[in-house]
C-alpha cells in the first residue's frame, strides 16, 4: 500500500462510504451474487437468498434506484416480475469475486484454528 496524504485518505474514505451506501448491508451483495447466474423471479430470489419478502422488496428497490438491477413486469396471468443485473452492475464483478475468494479463505482459516 502506498503512502497516503491526508487528502488522498479523505478521498479514499469518501469513495468507500459511497460504495457502502450503494452495496452495503446484509443483503445487497448476496442478491447481486444470486443474480449473477441469471434472471430470477421475486419468490425465487426470496428463497435463494433466504430473505423475507418485505426486506427483499426494499433491497431490490434500492438496487434498482442505483442502476444495478433491472425490474421487468412480465405479461403473464398472474403478472410476474423478473429481476436481472444491469450492464452497470457488471462493474462490481471483480469485487464480488474477491469477496467470495476471501470468504472461502477466511472460513477455512477459522475452521482450521478450532
N, C-alpha and C. Protein backbone atom coordinates (compact mmCIF):
# COMPACT_ATOMS: atom_id res chain seq x y z
N UNK A 1 0.85 -1.17 0.00
CA UNK A 1 0.00 0.00 0.00
C UNK A 1 0.90 1.24 0.00
N UNK A 2 0.59 2.17 -0.86
CA UNK A 2 1.43 3.35 -0.96
C UNK A 2 1.09 4.34 0.16
N UNK A 3 2.02 5.28 0.39
CA UNK A 3 1.79 6.30 1.42
C UNK A 3 0.68 7.23 0.96
N UNK A 4 -0.17 7.56 1.89
CA UNK A 4 -1.29 8.43 1.57
C UNK A 4 -1.11 9.78 2.23
N UNK A 5 -1.56 10.79 1.56
CA UNK A 5 -1.62 12.11 2.15
C UNK A 5 -2.97 12.22 2.85
N UNK A 6 -3.12 13.26 3.62
CA UNK A 6 -4.42 13.50 4.28
C UNK A 6 -5.52 13.63 3.23
N UNK A 7 -5.20 14.29 2.13
CA UNK A 7 -6.19 14.48 1.06
C UNK A 7 -6.55 13.16 0.37
N UNK A 8 -5.55 12.33 0.07
CA UNK A 8 -5.85 11.06 -0.60
C UNK A 8 -6.62 10.12 0.34
N UNK A 9 -6.33 10.18 1.63
CA UNK A 9 -7.08 9.37 2.60
C UNK A 9 -8.53 9.85 2.67
N UNK A 10 -8.73 11.16 2.67
CA UNK A 10 -10.08 11.71 2.70
C UNK A 10 -10.87 11.27 1.48
N UNK A 11 -10.24 11.33 0.30
CA UNK A 11 -10.90 10.90 -0.93
C UNK A 11 -11.20 9.40 -0.91
N UNK A 12 -10.26 8.61 -0.41
CA UNK A 12 -10.46 7.16 -0.32
C UNK A 12 -11.62 6.84 0.63
N UNK A 13 -11.66 7.51 1.77
CA UNK A 13 -12.75 7.29 2.72
C UNK A 13 -14.09 7.66 2.13
N UNK A 14 -14.14 8.76 1.40
CA UNK A 14 -15.38 9.19 0.75
C UNK A 14 -15.83 8.15 -0.28
N UNK A 15 -14.89 7.67 -1.07
CA UNK A 15 -15.22 6.66 -2.09
C UNK A 15 -15.73 5.37 -1.44
N UNK A 16 -15.11 4.96 -0.36
CA UNK A 16 -15.55 3.74 0.34
C UNK A 16 -16.94 3.95 0.93
N UNK A 17 -17.18 5.10 1.53
CA UNK A 17 -18.52 5.38 2.08
C UNK A 17 -19.57 5.38 0.96
N UNK A 18 -19.23 5.98 -0.18
CA UNK A 18 -20.16 5.99 -1.32
C UNK A 18 -20.48 4.57 -1.77
N UNK A 19 -19.45 3.73 -1.84
CA UNK A 19 -19.65 2.34 -2.24
C UNK A 19 -20.55 1.62 -1.24
N UNK A 20 -20.26 1.79 0.03
CA UNK A 20 -21.07 1.13 1.06
C UNK A 20 -22.50 1.64 1.09
N UNK A 21 -22.71 2.90 0.74
CA UNK A 21 -24.07 3.43 0.65
C UNK A 21 -24.88 2.68 -0.41
N UNK A 22 -24.21 2.24 -1.48
CA UNK A 22 -24.90 1.57 -2.58
C UNK A 22 -25.03 0.06 -2.34
N UNK A 23 -23.97 -0.59 -1.88
CA UNK A 23 -23.99 -2.06 -1.78
C UNK A 23 -23.83 -2.59 -0.36
N UNK A 24 -23.83 -1.69 0.61
CA UNK A 24 -23.64 -2.11 1.99
C UNK A 24 -24.87 -2.79 2.57
N UNK A 25 -24.70 -3.35 3.74
CA UNK A 25 -25.78 -4.05 4.40
C UNK A 25 -25.66 -5.54 4.21
N UNK A 26 -26.61 -6.24 4.78
CA UNK A 26 -26.55 -7.70 4.82
C UNK A 26 -26.93 -8.35 3.50
N UNK A 27 -27.75 -7.70 2.67
CA UNK A 27 -28.38 -8.41 1.56
C UNK A 27 -27.95 -8.01 0.15
N UNK A 28 -27.54 -6.80 -0.07
CA UNK A 28 -27.35 -6.33 -1.45
C UNK A 28 -26.33 -7.16 -2.23
N UNK A 29 -25.18 -7.41 -1.65
CA UNK A 29 -24.18 -8.19 -2.37
C UNK A 29 -24.62 -9.64 -2.54
N UNK A 30 -25.36 -10.16 -1.57
CA UNK A 30 -25.91 -11.52 -1.71
C UNK A 30 -26.86 -11.57 -2.90
N UNK A 31 -27.75 -10.59 -3.00
CA UNK A 31 -28.70 -10.56 -4.12
C UNK A 31 -27.99 -10.41 -5.46
N UNK A 32 -26.99 -9.55 -5.51
CA UNK A 32 -26.23 -9.39 -6.75
C UNK A 32 -25.53 -10.70 -7.12
N UNK A 33 -25.02 -11.40 -6.13
CA UNK A 33 -24.36 -12.67 -6.38
C UNK A 33 -25.34 -13.71 -6.92
N UNK A 34 -26.54 -13.79 -6.33
CA UNK A 34 -27.56 -14.73 -6.81
C UNK A 34 -27.93 -14.41 -8.26
N UNK A 35 -28.06 -13.12 -8.56
CA UNK A 35 -28.48 -12.72 -9.91
C UNK A 35 -27.37 -12.87 -10.95
N UNK A 36 -26.14 -13.13 -10.50
CA UNK A 36 -25.05 -13.35 -11.47
C UNK A 36 -25.32 -14.55 -12.36
N UNK A 37 -26.12 -15.50 -11.88
CA UNK A 37 -26.38 -16.69 -12.69
C UNK A 37 -27.65 -16.55 -13.54
N UNK A 38 -28.25 -15.37 -13.55
CA UNK A 38 -29.38 -15.14 -14.45
C UNK A 38 -30.60 -14.55 -13.77
N UNK A 39 -31.62 -14.27 -14.58
CA UNK A 39 -32.86 -13.67 -14.11
C UNK A 39 -33.50 -14.53 -13.04
N UNK A 40 -34.19 -13.85 -12.13
CA UNK A 40 -34.93 -14.55 -11.08
C UNK A 40 -36.24 -13.82 -10.83
N UNK A 41 -37.24 -14.60 -10.48
CA UNK A 41 -38.49 -14.03 -10.02
C UNK A 41 -38.35 -13.63 -8.56
N UNK A 42 -39.31 -12.85 -8.09
CA UNK A 42 -39.27 -12.35 -6.72
C UNK A 42 -39.21 -13.51 -5.71
N UNK A 43 -40.09 -14.48 -5.87
CA UNK A 43 -40.13 -15.59 -4.90
C UNK A 43 -38.86 -16.44 -4.97
N UNK A 44 -38.32 -16.62 -6.18
CA UNK A 44 -37.05 -17.36 -6.31
C UNK A 44 -35.95 -16.66 -5.55
N UNK A 45 -35.87 -15.33 -5.72
CA UNK A 45 -34.85 -14.56 -5.01
C UNK A 45 -35.02 -14.67 -3.50
N UNK A 46 -36.26 -14.60 -3.06
CA UNK A 46 -36.53 -14.69 -1.63
C UNK A 46 -36.05 -16.03 -1.08
N UNK A 47 -36.35 -17.11 -1.80
CA UNK A 47 -35.93 -18.45 -1.35
C UNK A 47 -34.42 -18.62 -1.42
N UNK A 48 -33.82 -18.27 -2.57
CA UNK A 48 -32.38 -18.50 -2.75
C UNK A 48 -31.52 -17.68 -1.79
N UNK A 49 -31.95 -16.45 -1.52
CA UNK A 49 -31.17 -15.59 -0.62
C UNK A 49 -31.60 -15.76 0.83
N UNK A 50 -32.70 -16.50 1.05
CA UNK A 50 -33.23 -16.71 2.39
C UNK A 50 -33.53 -15.37 3.07
N UNK A 51 -34.30 -14.55 2.37
CA UNK A 51 -34.62 -13.20 2.81
C UNK A 51 -36.14 -13.03 2.81
N UNK A 52 -36.66 -12.30 3.77
CA UNK A 52 -38.11 -12.10 3.85
C UNK A 52 -38.57 -11.22 2.68
N UNK A 53 -39.80 -11.43 2.21
CA UNK A 53 -40.31 -10.62 1.10
C UNK A 53 -40.28 -9.12 1.37
N UNK A 54 -40.58 -8.72 2.59
CA UNK A 54 -40.58 -7.28 2.91
C UNK A 54 -39.19 -6.67 2.75
N UNK A 55 -38.18 -7.33 3.29
CA UNK A 55 -36.80 -6.84 3.18
C UNK A 55 -36.34 -6.93 1.73
N UNK A 56 -36.67 -8.02 1.05
CA UNK A 56 -36.27 -8.20 -0.35
C UNK A 56 -36.80 -7.06 -1.20
N UNK A 57 -38.05 -6.71 -1.01
CA UNK A 57 -38.65 -5.64 -1.78
C UNK A 57 -37.88 -4.33 -1.61
N UNK A 58 -37.56 -4.01 -0.37
CA UNK A 58 -36.80 -2.78 -0.06
C UNK A 58 -35.41 -2.82 -0.71
N UNK A 59 -34.72 -3.94 -0.57
CA UNK A 59 -33.36 -4.06 -1.12
C UNK A 59 -33.37 -3.96 -2.64
N UNK A 60 -34.34 -4.62 -3.27
CA UNK A 60 -34.43 -4.57 -4.74
C UNK A 60 -34.73 -3.16 -5.23
N UNK A 61 -35.59 -2.44 -4.52
CA UNK A 61 -35.88 -1.06 -4.90
C UNK A 61 -34.62 -0.21 -4.85
N UNK A 62 -33.82 -0.39 -3.82
CA UNK A 62 -32.58 0.39 -3.69
C UNK A 62 -31.58 0.00 -4.77
N UNK A 63 -31.46 -1.30 -5.07
CA UNK A 63 -30.55 -1.74 -6.13
C UNK A 63 -31.01 -1.20 -7.48
N UNK A 64 -32.30 -1.19 -7.71
CA UNK A 64 -32.84 -0.66 -8.96
C UNK A 64 -32.60 0.85 -9.05
N UNK A 65 -32.82 1.56 -7.95
CA UNK A 65 -32.62 3.00 -7.91
C UNK A 65 -31.16 3.37 -8.24
N UNK A 66 -30.23 2.50 -7.86
CA UNK A 66 -28.81 2.75 -8.12
C UNK A 66 -28.33 2.15 -9.43
N UNK A 67 -29.24 1.64 -10.24
CA UNK A 67 -28.89 1.17 -11.57
C UNK A 67 -28.20 -0.17 -11.62
N UNK A 68 -28.33 -0.98 -10.56
CA UNK A 68 -27.65 -2.26 -10.53
C UNK A 68 -28.55 -3.43 -10.90
N UNK A 69 -29.85 -3.26 -10.74
CA UNK A 69 -30.82 -4.32 -11.03
C UNK A 69 -31.93 -3.74 -11.90
N UNK A 70 -32.36 -4.55 -12.84
CA UNK A 70 -33.47 -4.16 -13.71
C UNK A 70 -34.69 -4.99 -13.34
N UNK A 71 -35.82 -4.34 -13.19
CA UNK A 71 -37.10 -4.99 -12.85
C UNK A 71 -37.94 -5.05 -14.11
N UNK A 72 -38.43 -6.25 -14.44
CA UNK A 72 -39.26 -6.42 -15.64
C UNK A 72 -40.59 -7.05 -15.24
N UNK A 73 -41.67 -6.37 -15.58
CA UNK A 73 -43.01 -6.91 -15.32
C UNK A 73 -43.39 -7.73 -16.55
N UNK A 74 -43.68 -9.01 -16.33
CA UNK A 74 -44.00 -9.93 -17.43
C UNK A 74 -45.50 -9.96 -17.65
N UNK A 75 -45.89 -10.03 -18.90
CA UNK A 75 -47.30 -10.05 -19.27
C UNK A 75 -47.83 -11.48 -19.16
N UNK A 76 -47.99 -11.91 -17.91
CA UNK A 76 -48.49 -13.26 -17.63
C UNK A 76 -49.69 -13.14 -16.70
N UNK A 77 -50.40 -14.24 -16.56
CA UNK A 77 -51.50 -14.28 -15.60
C UNK A 77 -51.23 -15.37 -14.59
N UNK A 78 -51.06 -15.07 -13.33
CA UNK A 78 -50.98 -13.71 -12.79
C UNK A 78 -49.70 -13.02 -13.24
N UNK A 79 -49.67 -11.71 -13.11
CA UNK A 79 -48.50 -10.93 -13.50
C UNK A 79 -47.31 -11.38 -12.67
N UNK A 80 -46.18 -11.57 -13.33
CA UNK A 80 -44.95 -11.93 -12.61
C UNK A 80 -43.91 -10.85 -12.86
N UNK A 81 -42.97 -10.80 -11.97
CA UNK A 81 -41.89 -9.82 -12.07
C UNK A 81 -40.56 -10.57 -12.06
N UNK A 82 -39.68 -10.20 -12.96
CA UNK A 82 -38.34 -10.79 -13.04
C UNK A 82 -37.32 -9.70 -12.75
N UNK A 83 -36.21 -10.12 -12.15
CA UNK A 83 -35.11 -9.21 -11.86
C UNK A 83 -33.86 -9.75 -12.52
N UNK A 84 -33.06 -8.82 -13.04
CA UNK A 84 -31.78 -9.21 -13.62
C UNK A 84 -30.76 -8.10 -13.40
N UNK A 85 -29.50 -8.46 -13.52
CA UNK A 85 -28.44 -7.48 -13.38
C UNK A 85 -28.40 -6.57 -14.59
N UNK A 86 -28.00 -5.34 -14.38
CA UNK A 86 -27.79 -4.40 -15.48
C UNK A 86 -26.34 -4.52 -15.96
N UNK A 87 -26.07 -3.92 -17.09
CA UNK A 87 -24.68 -3.88 -17.58
C UNK A 87 -23.79 -3.16 -16.56
N UNK A 88 -24.33 -2.12 -15.95
CA UNK A 88 -23.56 -1.36 -14.96
C UNK A 88 -23.17 -2.22 -13.76
N UNK A 89 -24.04 -3.14 -13.36
CA UNK A 89 -23.73 -3.99 -12.20
C UNK A 89 -22.52 -4.87 -12.46
N UNK A 90 -22.23 -5.14 -13.72
CA UNK A 90 -21.07 -5.98 -14.05
C UNK A 90 -19.76 -5.34 -13.58
N UNK A 91 -19.78 -4.02 -13.35
CA UNK A 91 -18.56 -3.36 -12.86
C UNK A 91 -18.22 -3.80 -11.44
N UNK A 92 -19.18 -4.42 -10.75
CA UNK A 92 -18.92 -4.94 -9.40
C UNK A 92 -18.41 -6.37 -9.41
N UNK A 93 -18.36 -6.99 -10.58
CA UNK A 93 -17.93 -8.39 -10.68
C UNK A 93 -16.59 -8.66 -10.00
N UNK A 94 -15.56 -7.84 -10.23
CA UNK A 94 -14.28 -8.11 -9.55
C UNK A 94 -14.40 -8.04 -8.02
N UNK A 95 -15.23 -7.14 -7.52
CA UNK A 95 -15.43 -7.02 -6.08
C UNK A 95 -16.10 -8.29 -5.55
N UNK A 96 -17.13 -8.76 -6.23
CA UNK A 96 -17.84 -9.98 -5.79
C UNK A 96 -16.92 -11.19 -5.81
N UNK A 97 -16.12 -11.31 -6.86
CA UNK A 97 -15.19 -12.45 -6.96
C UNK A 97 -14.17 -12.40 -5.82
N UNK A 98 -13.59 -11.22 -5.58
CA UNK A 98 -12.62 -11.09 -4.49
C UNK A 98 -13.24 -11.38 -3.14
N UNK A 99 -14.47 -10.92 -2.92
CA UNK A 99 -15.13 -11.17 -1.64
C UNK A 99 -15.44 -12.65 -1.47
N UNK A 100 -15.85 -13.29 -2.55
CA UNK A 100 -16.12 -14.74 -2.49
C UNK A 100 -14.84 -15.50 -2.15
N UNK A 101 -13.75 -15.16 -2.82
CA UNK A 101 -12.49 -15.86 -2.56
C UNK A 101 -11.98 -15.58 -1.15
N UNK A 102 -12.09 -14.35 -0.70
CA UNK A 102 -11.66 -14.02 0.65
C UNK A 102 -12.50 -14.77 1.67
N UNK A 103 -13.81 -14.81 1.44
CA UNK A 103 -14.71 -15.52 2.35
C UNK A 103 -14.38 -16.99 2.46
N UNK A 104 -14.04 -17.62 1.33
CA UNK A 104 -13.66 -19.04 1.35
C UNK A 104 -12.38 -19.24 2.15
N UNK A 105 -11.38 -18.37 1.91
CA UNK A 105 -10.12 -18.47 2.65
C UNK A 105 -10.35 -18.23 4.14
N UNK A 106 -11.16 -17.26 4.47
CA UNK A 106 -11.43 -16.93 5.86
C UNK A 106 -12.13 -18.09 6.57
N UNK A 107 -13.12 -18.68 5.92
CA UNK A 107 -13.84 -19.81 6.51
C UNK A 107 -12.87 -20.96 6.80
N UNK A 108 -11.99 -21.27 5.84
CA UNK A 108 -11.00 -22.34 6.05
C UNK A 108 -10.08 -22.02 7.21
N UNK A 109 -9.63 -20.76 7.28
CA UNK A 109 -8.74 -20.34 8.36
C UNK A 109 -9.41 -20.51 9.71
N UNK A 110 -10.63 -20.05 9.83
CA UNK A 110 -11.35 -20.12 11.10
C UNK A 110 -11.60 -21.56 11.51
N UNK A 111 -12.01 -22.39 10.56
CA UNK A 111 -12.28 -23.80 10.84
C UNK A 111 -11.00 -24.52 11.25
N UNK A 112 -9.89 -24.20 10.57
CA UNK A 112 -8.64 -24.89 10.88
C UNK A 112 -8.08 -24.47 12.25
N UNK A 113 -8.47 -23.30 12.75
CA UNK A 113 -7.98 -22.84 14.04
C UNK A 113 -8.79 -23.40 15.20
N UNK A 114 -9.89 -24.04 14.91
CA UNK A 114 -10.74 -24.57 16.02
C UNK A 114 -10.19 -25.85 16.55
